[in-house]
Amino acid sequence: MDPELPSRYHAPGSYSAHNLWRKLSRYALVAGRKTVLTALTLYHCLRDADTPTWAKGVIVGALGYLILPADLVPDIIPGAGYGDDWAALVAALGTVAAYVKDVHKLKASVQTEKIFGLKGH
């Protein structure tokens, strides 16, 4: 966890880079391209030293919600399971949008293409 974050933003057992990668590698195809792209964009924004601490807290909350198995809508429900995760990610992205850089989007896009292949191919 980022040592810059106050302890109230630490969520042991919820968000960690390892848990995020494990979740995305297992459920990317079920969660969908837009969910993965948004999660990875937030992840790269989180890792940026220029992102303020409060924004990192918002990102950790959204990524933690994605990782947690207990959701408002269980992830195992086909077609709807990741809808609430997507909403949390989009809300976080909208909240911290001023700190999302083109390089964050580019890194996320490259990683998403590795997982799903080029769009339209």
N, C-alpha and C. Protein backbone atom coordinates (compact mmCIF):
# COMPACT_ATOMS: atom_id res chain seq x y z
N MET A 1 0.85 -1.18 0.00
CA MET A 1 0.00 0.00 0.00
C MET A 1 0.89 1.23 0.00
N ASP A 2 0.41 2.27 -0.61
CA ASP A 2 1.16 3.51 -0.72
C ASP A 2 1.40 4.11 0.66
N PRO A 3 2.67 4.32 1.04
CA PRO A 3 2.94 4.87 2.38
C PRO A 3 2.46 6.30 2.55
N GLU A 4 2.16 7.00 1.42
CA GLU A 4 1.65 8.37 1.51
C GLU A 4 0.23 8.42 2.05
N LEU A 5 -0.50 7.32 1.90
CA LEU A 5 -1.90 7.33 2.30
C LEU A 5 -2.04 7.23 3.81
N PRO A 6 -2.92 8.04 4.38
CA PRO A 6 -3.19 7.90 5.81
C PRO A 6 -3.75 6.51 6.09
N SER A 7 -3.61 6.03 7.30
CA SER A 7 -4.02 4.67 7.64
C SER A 7 -5.50 4.42 7.38
N ARG A 8 -6.34 5.44 7.42
CA ARG A 8 -7.78 5.22 7.19
C ARG A 8 -8.06 4.78 5.76
N TYR A 9 -7.10 4.98 4.84
CA TYR A 9 -7.28 4.55 3.46
C TYR A 9 -6.72 3.16 3.21
N HIS A 10 -6.12 2.56 4.19
CA HIS A 10 -5.58 1.22 4.04
C HIS A 10 -6.71 0.23 4.30
N ALA A 11 -6.85 -0.70 3.40
CA ALA A 11 -7.91 -1.71 3.55
C ALA A 11 -7.28 -3.08 3.43
N PRO A 12 -6.62 -3.54 4.50
CA PRO A 12 -5.96 -4.84 4.44
C PRO A 12 -6.94 -5.93 4.02
N GLY A 13 -6.51 -6.76 3.10
CA GLY A 13 -7.35 -7.83 2.62
C GLY A 13 -8.29 -7.42 1.51
N SER A 14 -8.44 -6.13 1.26
CA SER A 14 -9.32 -5.66 0.19
C SER A 14 -8.45 -5.23 -0.99
N TYR A 15 -8.04 -3.96 -1.01
CA TYR A 15 -7.25 -3.51 -2.14
C TYR A 15 -5.77 -3.81 -1.92
N SER A 16 -5.19 -4.38 -2.93
CA SER A 16 -3.74 -4.47 -3.08
C SER A 16 -3.51 -4.70 -4.56
N ALA A 17 -2.36 -4.32 -5.05
CA ALA A 17 -2.06 -4.53 -6.46
C ALA A 17 -2.17 -6.01 -6.80
N HIS A 18 -1.67 -6.86 -5.90
CA HIS A 18 -1.72 -8.31 -6.13
C HIS A 18 -3.17 -8.79 -6.27
N ASN A 19 -4.05 -8.35 -5.37
CA ASN A 19 -5.45 -8.76 -5.43
C ASN A 19 -6.14 -8.24 -6.69
N LEU A 20 -5.78 -7.02 -7.10
CA LEU A 20 -6.36 -6.45 -8.32
C LEU A 20 -5.96 -7.29 -9.53
N TRP A 21 -4.67 -7.60 -9.65
CA TRP A 21 -4.20 -8.38 -10.81
C TRP A 21 -4.82 -9.78 -10.80
N ARG A 22 -4.95 -10.37 -9.62
CA ARG A 22 -5.55 -11.70 -9.53
C ARG A 22 -7.01 -11.66 -10.01
N LYS A 23 -7.74 -10.66 -9.56
CA LYS A 23 -9.16 -10.53 -9.95
C LYS A 23 -9.27 -10.29 -11.45
N LEU A 24 -8.47 -9.38 -11.99
CA LEU A 24 -8.55 -9.09 -13.42
C LEU A 24 -8.13 -10.28 -14.27
N SER A 25 -7.12 -11.01 -13.85
CA SER A 25 -6.67 -12.15 -14.64
C SER A 25 -7.71 -13.27 -14.64
N ARG A 26 -8.46 -13.40 -13.57
CA ARG A 26 -9.48 -14.46 -13.49
C ARG A 26 -10.80 -14.08 -14.14
N TYR A 27 -11.18 -12.81 -14.03
CA TYR A 27 -12.54 -12.43 -14.40
C TYR A 27 -12.63 -11.34 -15.47
N ALA A 28 -11.54 -11.05 -16.15
CA ALA A 28 -11.55 -9.97 -17.14
C ALA A 28 -12.62 -10.16 -18.20
N LEU A 29 -12.70 -11.36 -18.75
CA LEU A 29 -13.66 -11.60 -19.82
C LEU A 29 -15.10 -11.48 -19.34
N VAL A 30 -15.35 -11.85 -18.11
CA VAL A 30 -16.70 -11.74 -17.54
C VAL A 30 -17.00 -10.28 -17.22
N ALA A 31 -16.04 -9.58 -16.63
CA ALA A 31 -16.24 -8.18 -16.23
C ALA A 31 -16.39 -7.28 -17.46
N GLY A 32 -15.65 -7.57 -18.51
CA GLY A 32 -15.76 -6.81 -19.75
C GLY A 32 -14.65 -5.79 -19.93
N ARG A 33 -14.46 -5.44 -21.19
CA ARG A 33 -13.38 -4.53 -21.59
C ARG A 33 -13.46 -3.19 -20.89
N LYS A 34 -14.65 -2.58 -20.83
CA LYS A 34 -14.74 -1.23 -20.26
C LYS A 34 -14.45 -1.24 -18.76
N THR A 35 -14.85 -2.30 -18.07
CA THR A 35 -14.57 -2.40 -16.63
C THR A 35 -13.07 -2.54 -16.41
N VAL A 36 -12.43 -3.40 -17.19
CA VAL A 36 -10.99 -3.61 -17.06
C VAL A 36 -10.23 -2.34 -17.41
N LEU A 37 -10.59 -1.69 -18.50
CA LEU A 37 -9.91 -0.45 -18.92
C LEU A 37 -10.04 0.63 -17.85
N THR A 38 -11.21 0.78 -17.28
CA THR A 38 -11.42 1.79 -16.24
C THR A 38 -10.63 1.45 -14.98
N ALA A 39 -10.64 0.19 -14.59
CA ALA A 39 -9.88 -0.24 -13.40
C ALA A 39 -8.39 0.01 -13.60
N LEU A 40 -7.88 -0.32 -14.76
CA LEU A 40 -6.45 -0.13 -15.02
C LEU A 40 -6.07 1.34 -15.12
N THR A 41 -6.96 2.16 -15.66
CA THR A 41 -6.71 3.61 -15.71
C THR A 41 -6.60 4.15 -14.28
N LEU A 42 -7.52 3.75 -13.43
CA LEU A 42 -7.48 4.18 -12.04
C LEU A 42 -6.22 3.65 -11.34
N TYR A 43 -5.85 2.43 -11.62
CA TYR A 43 -4.65 1.83 -11.03
C TYR A 43 -3.41 2.67 -11.36
N HIS A 44 -3.27 3.07 -12.60
CA HIS A 44 -2.10 3.85 -12.99
C HIS A 44 -2.14 5.26 -12.40
N CYS A 45 -3.32 5.82 -12.25
CA CYS A 45 -3.46 7.11 -11.59
C CYS A 45 -3.06 6.99 -10.11
N LEU A 46 -3.46 5.90 -9.49
CA LEU A 46 -3.12 5.64 -8.08
C LEU A 46 -1.61 5.58 -7.89
N ARG A 47 -0.90 4.98 -8.81
CA ARG A 47 0.55 4.80 -8.70
C ARG A 47 1.34 6.07 -9.00
N ASP A 48 0.69 7.10 -9.52
CA ASP A 48 1.36 8.34 -9.89
C ASP A 48 1.59 9.21 -8.65
N ALA A 49 2.81 9.63 -8.46
CA ALA A 49 3.17 10.47 -7.31
C ALA A 49 2.45 11.83 -7.34
N ASP A 50 2.01 12.27 -8.52
CA ASP A 50 1.33 13.56 -8.64
C ASP A 50 -0.14 13.50 -8.20
N THR A 51 -0.68 12.32 -8.05
CA THR A 51 -2.08 12.18 -7.65
C THR A 51 -2.20 12.49 -6.16
N PRO A 52 -3.08 13.43 -5.79
CA PRO A 52 -3.22 13.79 -4.37
C PRO A 52 -3.74 12.63 -3.52
N THR A 53 -3.42 12.68 -2.26
CA THR A 53 -3.77 11.63 -1.32
C THR A 53 -5.28 11.38 -1.28
N TRP A 54 -6.09 12.44 -1.27
CA TRP A 54 -7.54 12.24 -1.21
C TRP A 54 -8.03 11.48 -2.44
N ALA A 55 -7.45 11.78 -3.62
CA ALA A 55 -7.85 11.10 -4.85
C ALA A 55 -7.43 9.63 -4.81
N LYS A 56 -6.26 9.36 -4.23
CA LYS A 56 -5.81 7.97 -4.07
C LYS A 56 -6.78 7.20 -3.17
N GLY A 57 -7.30 7.86 -2.16
CA GLY A 57 -8.29 7.23 -1.29
C GLY A 57 -9.55 6.85 -2.04
N VAL A 58 -10.01 7.71 -2.93
CA VAL A 58 -11.19 7.42 -3.76
C VAL A 58 -10.90 6.22 -4.66
N ILE A 59 -9.72 6.21 -5.27
CA ILE A 59 -9.34 5.12 -6.17
C ILE A 59 -9.24 3.80 -5.42
N VAL A 60 -8.59 3.81 -4.27
CA VAL A 60 -8.46 2.60 -3.46
C VAL A 60 -9.85 2.06 -3.09
N GLY A 61 -10.76 2.94 -2.78
CA GLY A 61 -12.12 2.51 -2.46
C GLY A 61 -12.80 1.82 -3.63
N ALA A 62 -12.68 2.39 -4.82
CA ALA A 62 -13.32 1.81 -6.00
C ALA A 62 -12.66 0.49 -6.40
N LEU A 63 -11.33 0.45 -6.39
CA LEU A 63 -10.63 -0.79 -6.75
C LEU A 63 -10.87 -1.86 -5.68
N GLY A 64 -10.94 -1.45 -4.43
CA GLY A 64 -11.25 -2.39 -3.36
C GLY A 64 -12.64 -2.98 -3.54
N TYR A 65 -13.59 -2.17 -3.96
CA TYR A 65 -14.95 -2.66 -4.20
C TYR A 65 -14.96 -3.68 -5.33
N LEU A 66 -14.17 -3.43 -6.36
CA LEU A 66 -14.06 -4.38 -7.47
C LEU A 66 -13.52 -5.72 -6.99
N ILE A 67 -12.55 -5.68 -6.11
CA ILE A 67 -11.88 -6.89 -5.63
C ILE A 67 -12.73 -7.67 -4.64
N LEU A 68 -13.44 -6.98 -3.79
CA LEU A 68 -14.23 -7.66 -2.75
C LEU A 68 -15.26 -8.60 -3.34
N PRO A 69 -15.34 -9.81 -2.82
CA PRO A 69 -16.33 -10.75 -3.35
C PRO A 69 -17.76 -10.42 -2.93
N ALA A 70 -17.94 -9.70 -1.82
CA ALA A 70 -19.28 -9.34 -1.34
C ALA A 70 -19.65 -7.98 -1.91
N ASP A 71 -20.51 -7.98 -2.91
CA ASP A 71 -20.94 -6.75 -3.58
C ASP A 71 -22.44 -6.54 -3.39
N LEU A 72 -22.89 -5.39 -3.82
CA LEU A 72 -24.31 -5.11 -3.86
C LEU A 72 -24.99 -6.12 -4.79
N VAL A 73 -24.37 -6.35 -5.95
CA VAL A 73 -24.83 -7.37 -6.90
C VAL A 73 -23.69 -8.38 -7.01
N PRO A 74 -23.90 -9.63 -6.62
CA PRO A 74 -22.81 -10.62 -6.66
C PRO A 74 -22.22 -10.77 -8.07
N ASP A 75 -20.90 -10.84 -8.14
CA ASP A 75 -20.20 -10.89 -9.41
C ASP A 75 -20.53 -12.12 -10.24
N ILE A 76 -21.04 -13.16 -9.61
CA ILE A 76 -21.32 -14.40 -10.34
C ILE A 76 -22.61 -14.35 -11.14
N ILE A 77 -23.41 -13.30 -10.99
CA ILE A 77 -24.67 -13.19 -11.73
C ILE A 77 -24.34 -12.77 -13.17
N PRO A 78 -24.61 -13.65 -14.15
CA PRO A 78 -24.29 -13.35 -15.55
C PRO A 78 -24.99 -12.08 -16.04
N GLY A 79 -24.25 -11.24 -16.72
CA GLY A 79 -24.81 -10.04 -17.31
C GLY A 79 -24.99 -8.86 -16.37
N ALA A 80 -25.09 -9.10 -15.09
CA ALA A 80 -25.33 -8.01 -14.15
C ALA A 80 -24.31 -7.95 -13.03
N GLY A 81 -23.56 -9.00 -12.85
CA GLY A 81 -22.67 -9.12 -11.70
C GLY A 81 -21.63 -8.04 -11.55
N TYR A 82 -21.16 -7.50 -12.65
CA TYR A 82 -20.14 -6.46 -12.56
C TYR A 82 -20.71 -5.06 -12.79
N GLY A 83 -22.02 -4.94 -12.88
CA GLY A 83 -22.64 -3.63 -13.09
C GLY A 83 -22.38 -2.66 -11.95
N ASP A 84 -22.47 -3.15 -10.72
CA ASP A 84 -22.23 -2.27 -9.58
C ASP A 84 -20.74 -1.92 -9.47
N ASP A 85 -19.87 -2.86 -9.84
CA ASP A 85 -18.43 -2.58 -9.83
C ASP A 85 -18.12 -1.49 -10.86
N TRP A 86 -18.72 -1.64 -12.05
CA TRP A 86 -18.54 -0.65 -13.12
C TRP A 86 -19.00 0.72 -12.65
N ALA A 87 -20.15 0.79 -11.97
CA ALA A 87 -20.66 2.07 -11.48
C ALA A 87 -19.70 2.70 -10.47
N ALA A 88 -19.14 1.89 -9.57
CA ALA A 88 -18.19 2.41 -8.59
C ALA A 88 -16.92 2.93 -9.27
N LEU A 89 -16.45 2.21 -10.28
CA LEU A 89 -15.25 2.64 -11.01
C LEU A 89 -15.50 3.93 -11.77
N VAL A 90 -16.65 4.03 -12.43
CA VAL A 90 -16.99 5.24 -13.19
C VAL A 90 -17.14 6.43 -12.25
N ALA A 91 -17.78 6.23 -11.11
CA ALA A 91 -17.93 7.33 -10.14
C ALA A 91 -16.56 7.80 -9.65
N ALA A 92 -15.67 6.85 -9.37
CA ALA A 92 -14.32 7.22 -8.92
C ALA A 92 -13.58 7.95 -10.03
N LEU A 93 -13.69 7.44 -11.25
CA LEU A 93 -13.00 8.08 -12.38
C LEU A 93 -13.49 9.51 -12.57
N GLY A 94 -14.80 9.71 -12.46
CA GLY A 94 -15.35 11.06 -12.58
C GLY A 94 -14.86 11.98 -11.48
N THR A 95 -14.71 11.44 -10.29
CA THR A 95 -14.26 12.23 -9.14
C THR A 95 -12.81 12.65 -9.26
N VAL A 96 -11.97 11.79 -9.81
CA VAL A 96 -10.53 12.08 -9.88
C VAL A 96 -10.06 12.42 -11.30
N ALA A 97 -11.00 12.67 -12.20
CA ALA A 97 -10.69 12.88 -13.62
C ALA A 97 -9.61 13.94 -13.86
N ALA A 98 -9.57 14.96 -13.03
CA ALA A 98 -8.59 16.03 -13.22
C ALA A 98 -7.15 15.54 -13.04
N TYR A 99 -6.99 14.38 -12.41
CA TYR A 99 -5.65 13.84 -12.14
C TYR A 99 -5.29 12.66 -13.04
N VAL A 100 -6.22 12.27 -13.90
CA VAL A 100 -5.94 11.18 -14.84
C VAL A 100 -5.21 11.78 -16.04
N LYS A 101 -4.02 11.25 -16.27
CA LYS A 101 -3.17 11.75 -17.36
C LYS A 101 -3.29 10.84 -18.58
N ASP A 102 -2.90 11.38 -19.72
CA ASP A 102 -2.91 10.59 -20.95
C ASP A 102 -2.06 9.34 -20.81
N VAL A 103 -0.96 9.42 -20.08
CA VAL A 103 -0.09 8.26 -19.91
C VAL A 103 -0.80 7.16 -19.12
N HIS A 104 -1.65 7.52 -18.17
CA HIS A 104 -2.43 6.53 -17.42
C HIS A 104 -3.37 5.80 -18.38
N LYS A 105 -4.03 6.57 -19.23
CA LYS A 105 -4.96 6.00 -20.20
C LYS A 105 -4.24 5.11 -21.20
N LEU A 106 -3.07 5.54 -21.64
CA LEU A 106 -2.31 4.76 -22.61
C LEU A 106 -1.84 3.43 -22.03
N LYS A 107 -1.30 3.48 -20.82
CA LYS A 107 -0.85 2.23 -20.17
C LYS A 107 -2.03 1.28 -19.98
N ALA A 108 -3.16 1.81 -19.54
CA ALA A 108 -4.35 0.98 -19.33
C ALA A 108 -4.84 0.38 -20.65
N SER A 109 -4.80 1.18 -21.69
CA SER A 109 -5.24 0.71 -23.00
C SER A 109 -4.35 -0.42 -23.52
N VAL A 110 -3.05 -0.26 -23.38
CA VAL A 110 -2.10 -1.30 -23.83
C VAL A 110 -2.35 -2.59 -23.05
N GLN A 111 -2.52 -2.49 -21.73
CA GLN A 111 -2.76 -3.69 -20.92
C GLN A 111 -4.10 -4.34 -21.27
N THR A 112 -5.11 -3.53 -21.53
CA THR A 112 -6.43 -4.05 -21.90
C THR A 112 -6.35 -4.78 -23.24
N GLU A 113 -5.60 -4.22 -24.19
CA GLU A 113 -5.42 -4.87 -25.49
C GLU A 113 -4.71 -6.21 -25.34
N LYS A 114 -3.77 -6.31 -24.40
CA LYS A 114 -3.09 -7.59 -24.16
C LYS A 114 -4.06 -8.63 -23.64
N ILE A 115 -5.02 -8.20 -22.82
CA ILE A 115 -5.98 -9.13 -22.25
C ILE A 115 -7.04 -9.54 -23.28
N PHE A 116 -7.58 -8.57 -24.00
CA PHE A 116 -8.73 -8.81 -24.89
C PHE A 116 -8.36 -8.91 -26.36
N GLY A 117 -7.18 -8.44 -26.74
CA GLY A 117 -6.84 -8.32 -28.16
C GLY A 117 -7.30 -6.97 -28.66
N LEU A 118 -6.84 -6.62 -29.84
CA LEU A 118 -7.22 -5.33 -30.41
C LEU A 118 -8.72 -5.31 -30.68
N LYS A 119 -9.34 -4.19 -30.39
CA LYS A 119 -10.79 -4.07 -30.58
C LYS A 119 -11.11 -4.19 -32.08
N GLY A 120 -12.04 -5.03 -32.34
CA GLY A 120 -12.47 -5.21 -33.73
C GLY A 120 -11.68 -6.28 -34.46
N HIS A 121 -10.71 -6.93 -33.78
CA HIS A 121 -9.92 -7.98 -34.43
C HIS A 121 -10.28 -9.33 -33.87
